[in-house]
Each structure stands twice: as C-alpha cells, then as structure tokens.
C-alpha cells in the first residue's frame, strides 16, 4: 500500500537525527507515512527506511534525490535534522 506522506530527512548528525525521529514517534499521526533517512550511520526504526550515504558526501540535494528514488508517498516533505 502506498504511503500518504514521505518524509525525506538527510543527516550527517546522528544525535540531531535521533531527536527528530523521537519527536515524530511521540506525535500521534492518523496518517500513513514513511520516513526516508539518508545518512552515513545506520538507522533502525520501524517507520524509517535507511539509505547509506557514503563519502565523499555530495550534499543534501544528492541525498534527497536518492530518497526520491524510493519514496512511496503521494506527498513529499523535506526535513532537516537541525
């Protein structure tokens, strides 16, 4: 089943990313969503699809394009970890 919303969240900062993911988990959303994280460190979370970003890092636009390739949401939301 396709998702209603895809949240794309590229990150190079694990601590800030974990804070953002915790905030989303604490929010009771009555929507079908997915979060796609592009980062050099592994992310294990039920709603998260992790895509490994390897050096040399080519920036957030490149990471966003990687995530768009697998996004299933009808609507795309871009977020930052900071």
N, C-alpha and C. Protein backbone atom coordinates (compact mmCIF):
# COMPACT_ATOMS: atom_id res chain seq x y z
N UNK A 1 0.84 -1.18 0.00
CA UNK A 1 0.00 0.00 0.00
C UNK A 1 0.88 1.25 0.00
N UNK A 2 0.55 2.18 -0.85
CA UNK A 2 1.32 3.42 -0.90
C UNK A 2 1.10 4.27 0.34
N UNK A 3 2.09 5.02 0.66
CA UNK A 3 2.04 5.91 1.82
C UNK A 3 1.39 7.23 1.41
N UNK A 4 0.76 7.87 2.38
CA UNK A 4 0.18 9.17 2.12
C UNK A 4 1.28 10.24 2.06
N UNK A 5 2.23 10.15 2.99
CA UNK A 5 3.31 11.14 3.07
C UNK A 5 4.65 10.44 3.18
N UNK A 6 5.63 10.94 2.43
CA UNK A 6 7.02 10.53 2.59
C UNK A 6 7.79 11.71 3.15
N UNK A 7 8.48 11.48 4.26
CA UNK A 7 9.34 12.50 4.87
C UNK A 7 10.77 12.14 4.53
N UNK A 8 11.45 13.03 3.84
CA UNK A 8 12.86 12.82 3.48
C UNK A 8 13.71 13.60 4.45
N UNK A 9 14.66 12.90 5.09
CA UNK A 9 15.46 13.51 6.13
C UNK A 9 16.93 13.11 5.98
N UNK A 10 17.71 13.86 5.20
CA UNK A 10 19.15 13.58 5.13
C UNK A 10 19.84 14.06 6.40
N UNK A 11 20.87 13.34 6.84
CA UNK A 11 21.53 13.73 8.08
C UNK A 11 22.98 13.26 8.13
N UNK A 12 23.83 14.12 8.65
CA UNK A 12 25.20 13.76 8.98
C UNK A 12 25.42 13.81 10.49
N UNK A 13 24.36 14.16 11.24
CA UNK A 13 24.47 14.35 12.69
C UNK A 13 23.52 13.41 13.41
N UNK A 14 24.08 12.32 13.91
CA UNK A 14 23.27 11.25 14.50
C UNK A 14 22.43 11.72 15.69
N UNK A 15 23.00 12.53 16.55
CA UNK A 15 22.28 12.98 17.75
C UNK A 15 21.05 13.82 17.36
N UNK A 16 21.22 14.74 16.43
CA UNK A 16 20.09 15.56 15.99
C UNK A 16 19.04 14.73 15.26
N UNK A 17 19.49 13.78 14.46
CA UNK A 17 18.55 12.92 13.74
C UNK A 17 17.71 12.12 14.73
N UNK A 18 18.35 11.53 15.74
CA UNK A 18 17.61 10.75 16.73
C UNK A 18 16.58 11.61 17.47
N UNK A 19 16.91 12.86 17.69
CA UNK A 19 15.97 13.78 18.34
C UNK A 19 14.75 13.99 17.43
N UNK A 20 14.98 14.24 16.15
CA UNK A 20 13.86 14.44 15.20
C UNK A 20 12.99 13.19 15.11
N UNK A 21 13.61 12.02 15.05
CA UNK A 21 12.84 10.77 14.95
C UNK A 21 12.02 10.54 16.22
N UNK A 22 12.58 10.88 17.38
CA UNK A 22 11.84 10.76 18.64
C UNK A 22 10.64 11.69 18.66
N UNK A 23 10.82 12.88 18.13
CA UNK A 23 9.71 13.83 18.07
C UNK A 23 8.58 13.30 17.20
N UNK A 24 8.92 12.70 16.07
CA UNK A 24 7.90 12.13 15.20
C UNK A 24 7.21 10.95 15.87
N UNK A 25 7.98 10.11 16.57
CA UNK A 25 7.40 8.95 17.24
C UNK A 25 6.45 9.36 18.35
N UNK A 26 6.72 10.49 19.00
CA UNK A 26 5.89 10.96 20.11
C UNK A 26 4.60 11.62 19.62
N UNK A 27 4.53 11.90 18.33
CA UNK A 27 3.36 12.55 17.76
C UNK A 27 2.40 11.49 17.25
N UNK A 28 1.16 11.59 17.64
CA UNK A 28 0.16 10.63 17.19
C UNK A 28 -0.43 11.12 15.87
N UNK A 29 0.05 10.60 14.79
CA UNK A 29 -0.42 11.00 13.47
C UNK A 29 -1.39 9.95 12.94
N UNK A 30 -2.52 10.39 12.51
CA UNK A 30 -3.51 9.48 11.95
C UNK A 30 -3.39 9.42 10.43
N UNK A 31 -2.14 9.30 9.99
CA UNK A 31 -1.87 9.23 8.55
C UNK A 31 -0.88 8.10 8.29
N UNK A 32 -0.87 7.61 7.08
CA UNK A 32 0.06 6.57 6.67
C UNK A 32 1.30 7.27 6.11
N UNK A 33 2.42 7.18 6.83
CA UNK A 33 3.63 7.89 6.40
C UNK A 33 4.85 6.99 6.49
N UNK A 34 5.88 7.43 5.81
CA UNK A 34 7.19 6.79 5.91
C UNK A 34 8.23 7.89 6.07
N UNK A 35 9.35 7.54 6.68
CA UNK A 35 10.48 8.46 6.79
C UNK A 35 11.66 7.80 6.10
N UNK A 36 12.27 8.51 5.16
CA UNK A 36 13.47 8.01 4.48
C UNK A 36 14.64 8.84 4.98
N UNK A 37 15.58 8.17 5.63
CA UNK A 37 16.78 8.82 6.14
C UNK A 37 17.96 8.43 5.25
N UNK A 38 18.71 9.43 4.82
CA UNK A 38 19.95 9.19 4.08
C UNK A 38 21.07 9.69 4.98
N UNK A 39 21.93 8.76 5.43
CA UNK A 39 22.98 9.10 6.38
C UNK A 39 24.12 8.08 6.29
N UNK A 40 25.30 8.45 6.80
CA UNK A 40 26.41 7.51 6.81
C UNK A 40 26.32 6.49 7.95
N UNK A 41 25.46 6.72 8.91
CA UNK A 41 25.30 5.82 10.06
C UNK A 41 23.96 5.11 9.95
N UNK A 42 23.91 3.87 10.41
CA UNK A 42 22.71 3.06 10.30
C UNK A 42 21.60 3.57 11.23
N UNK A 43 20.39 3.54 10.71
CA UNK A 43 19.22 3.95 11.48
C UNK A 43 18.25 2.77 11.51
N UNK A 44 17.91 2.33 12.71
CA UNK A 44 16.95 1.23 12.86
C UNK A 44 15.74 1.78 13.59
N UNK A 45 14.62 1.82 12.87
CA UNK A 45 13.38 2.36 13.41
C UNK A 45 12.26 1.82 12.52
N UNK A 46 11.15 1.44 13.11
CA UNK A 46 10.06 0.80 12.38
C UNK A 46 9.52 1.57 11.20
N UNK A 47 9.44 2.88 11.30
CA UNK A 47 8.89 3.70 10.22
C UNK A 47 9.95 4.24 9.28
N UNK A 48 11.22 3.92 9.54
CA UNK A 48 12.32 4.52 8.79
C UNK A 48 12.88 3.55 7.76
N UNK A 49 13.06 4.07 6.56
CA UNK A 49 13.85 3.38 5.54
C UNK A 49 15.20 4.09 5.52
N UNK A 50 16.26 3.33 5.79
CA UNK A 50 17.60 3.91 5.84
C UNK A 50 18.31 3.68 4.52
N UNK A 51 18.91 4.73 3.98
CA UNK A 51 19.75 4.64 2.79
C UNK A 51 21.14 5.13 3.19
N UNK A 52 22.16 4.33 2.92
CA UNK A 52 23.52 4.68 3.32
C UNK A 52 24.10 5.73 2.38
N UNK A 53 24.59 6.80 2.97
CA UNK A 53 25.30 7.84 2.24
C UNK A 53 26.78 7.63 2.52
N UNK A 54 27.57 7.50 1.48
CA UNK A 54 28.99 7.21 1.67
C UNK A 54 29.84 8.38 1.18
N UNK A 55 31.00 8.59 1.83
CA UNK A 55 31.88 9.67 1.40
C UNK A 55 32.38 9.43 -0.02
N UNK A 56 32.68 10.43 -0.79
CA UNK A 56 32.54 11.83 -0.39
C UNK A 56 31.07 12.24 -0.41
N UNK A 57 30.64 12.91 0.64
CA UNK A 57 29.25 13.35 0.73
C UNK A 57 29.02 14.45 -0.29
N UNK A 58 27.94 14.33 -1.04
CA UNK A 58 27.68 15.26 -2.14
C UNK A 58 26.55 16.24 -1.83
N UNK A 59 26.19 16.35 -0.57
CA UNK A 59 25.23 17.36 -0.16
C UNK A 59 23.81 16.86 -0.03
N UNK A 60 22.97 17.73 0.52
CA UNK A 60 21.60 17.35 0.81
C UNK A 60 20.75 17.16 -0.44
N UNK A 61 21.06 17.85 -1.52
CA UNK A 61 20.29 17.68 -2.75
C UNK A 61 20.53 16.27 -3.32
N UNK A 62 21.76 15.82 -3.30
CA UNK A 62 22.06 14.46 -3.75
C UNK A 62 21.34 13.44 -2.87
N UNK A 63 21.39 13.64 -1.56
CA UNK A 63 20.71 12.73 -0.63
C UNK A 63 19.20 12.73 -0.88
N UNK A 64 18.64 13.89 -1.12
CA UNK A 64 17.22 13.99 -1.41
C UNK A 64 16.85 13.24 -2.67
N UNK A 65 17.66 13.37 -3.70
CA UNK A 65 17.41 12.65 -4.95
C UNK A 65 17.47 11.14 -4.76
N UNK A 66 18.39 10.66 -3.92
CA UNK A 66 18.44 9.23 -3.61
C UNK A 66 17.12 8.79 -2.97
N UNK A 67 16.66 9.56 -2.01
CA UNK A 67 15.43 9.22 -1.30
C UNK A 67 14.21 9.29 -2.22
N UNK A 68 14.17 10.26 -3.10
CA UNK A 68 13.04 10.37 -4.02
C UNK A 68 12.90 9.13 -4.90
N UNK A 69 14.03 8.48 -5.17
CA UNK A 69 14.01 7.27 -5.99
C UNK A 69 13.25 6.11 -5.38
N UNK A 70 13.07 6.12 -4.05
CA UNK A 70 12.36 5.02 -3.38
C UNK A 70 11.11 5.49 -2.64
N UNK A 71 10.84 6.77 -2.68
CA UNK A 71 9.68 7.33 -1.96
C UNK A 71 8.38 6.76 -2.50
N UNK A 72 7.46 6.45 -1.58
CA UNK A 72 6.16 5.90 -1.94
C UNK A 72 5.00 6.84 -1.64
N UNK A 73 5.29 7.97 -1.04
CA UNK A 73 4.22 8.88 -0.62
C UNK A 73 3.60 9.66 -1.75
N UNK A 74 2.33 9.95 -1.58
CA UNK A 74 1.64 10.81 -2.52
C UNK A 74 2.16 12.24 -2.39
N UNK A 75 2.52 12.61 -1.15
CA UNK A 75 3.09 13.92 -0.87
C UNK A 75 4.49 13.74 -0.30
N UNK A 76 5.40 14.60 -0.70
CA UNK A 76 6.80 14.54 -0.24
C UNK A 76 7.06 15.74 0.65
N UNK A 77 7.64 15.47 1.83
CA UNK A 77 8.01 16.52 2.77
C UNK A 77 9.51 16.40 3.00
N UNK A 78 10.22 17.52 2.84
CA UNK A 78 11.65 17.55 3.11
C UNK A 78 11.88 18.15 4.49
N UNK A 79 12.69 17.46 5.30
CA UNK A 79 13.02 17.97 6.63
C UNK A 79 14.53 17.98 6.82
N UNK A 80 14.94 18.81 7.74
CA UNK A 80 16.34 18.88 8.14
C UNK A 80 16.44 18.35 9.56
N UNK A 81 17.62 17.89 9.93
CA UNK A 81 17.78 17.38 11.30
C UNK A 81 18.03 18.49 12.31
N UNK A 82 18.26 19.71 11.83
CA UNK A 82 18.52 20.80 12.78
C UNK A 82 17.38 21.79 12.87
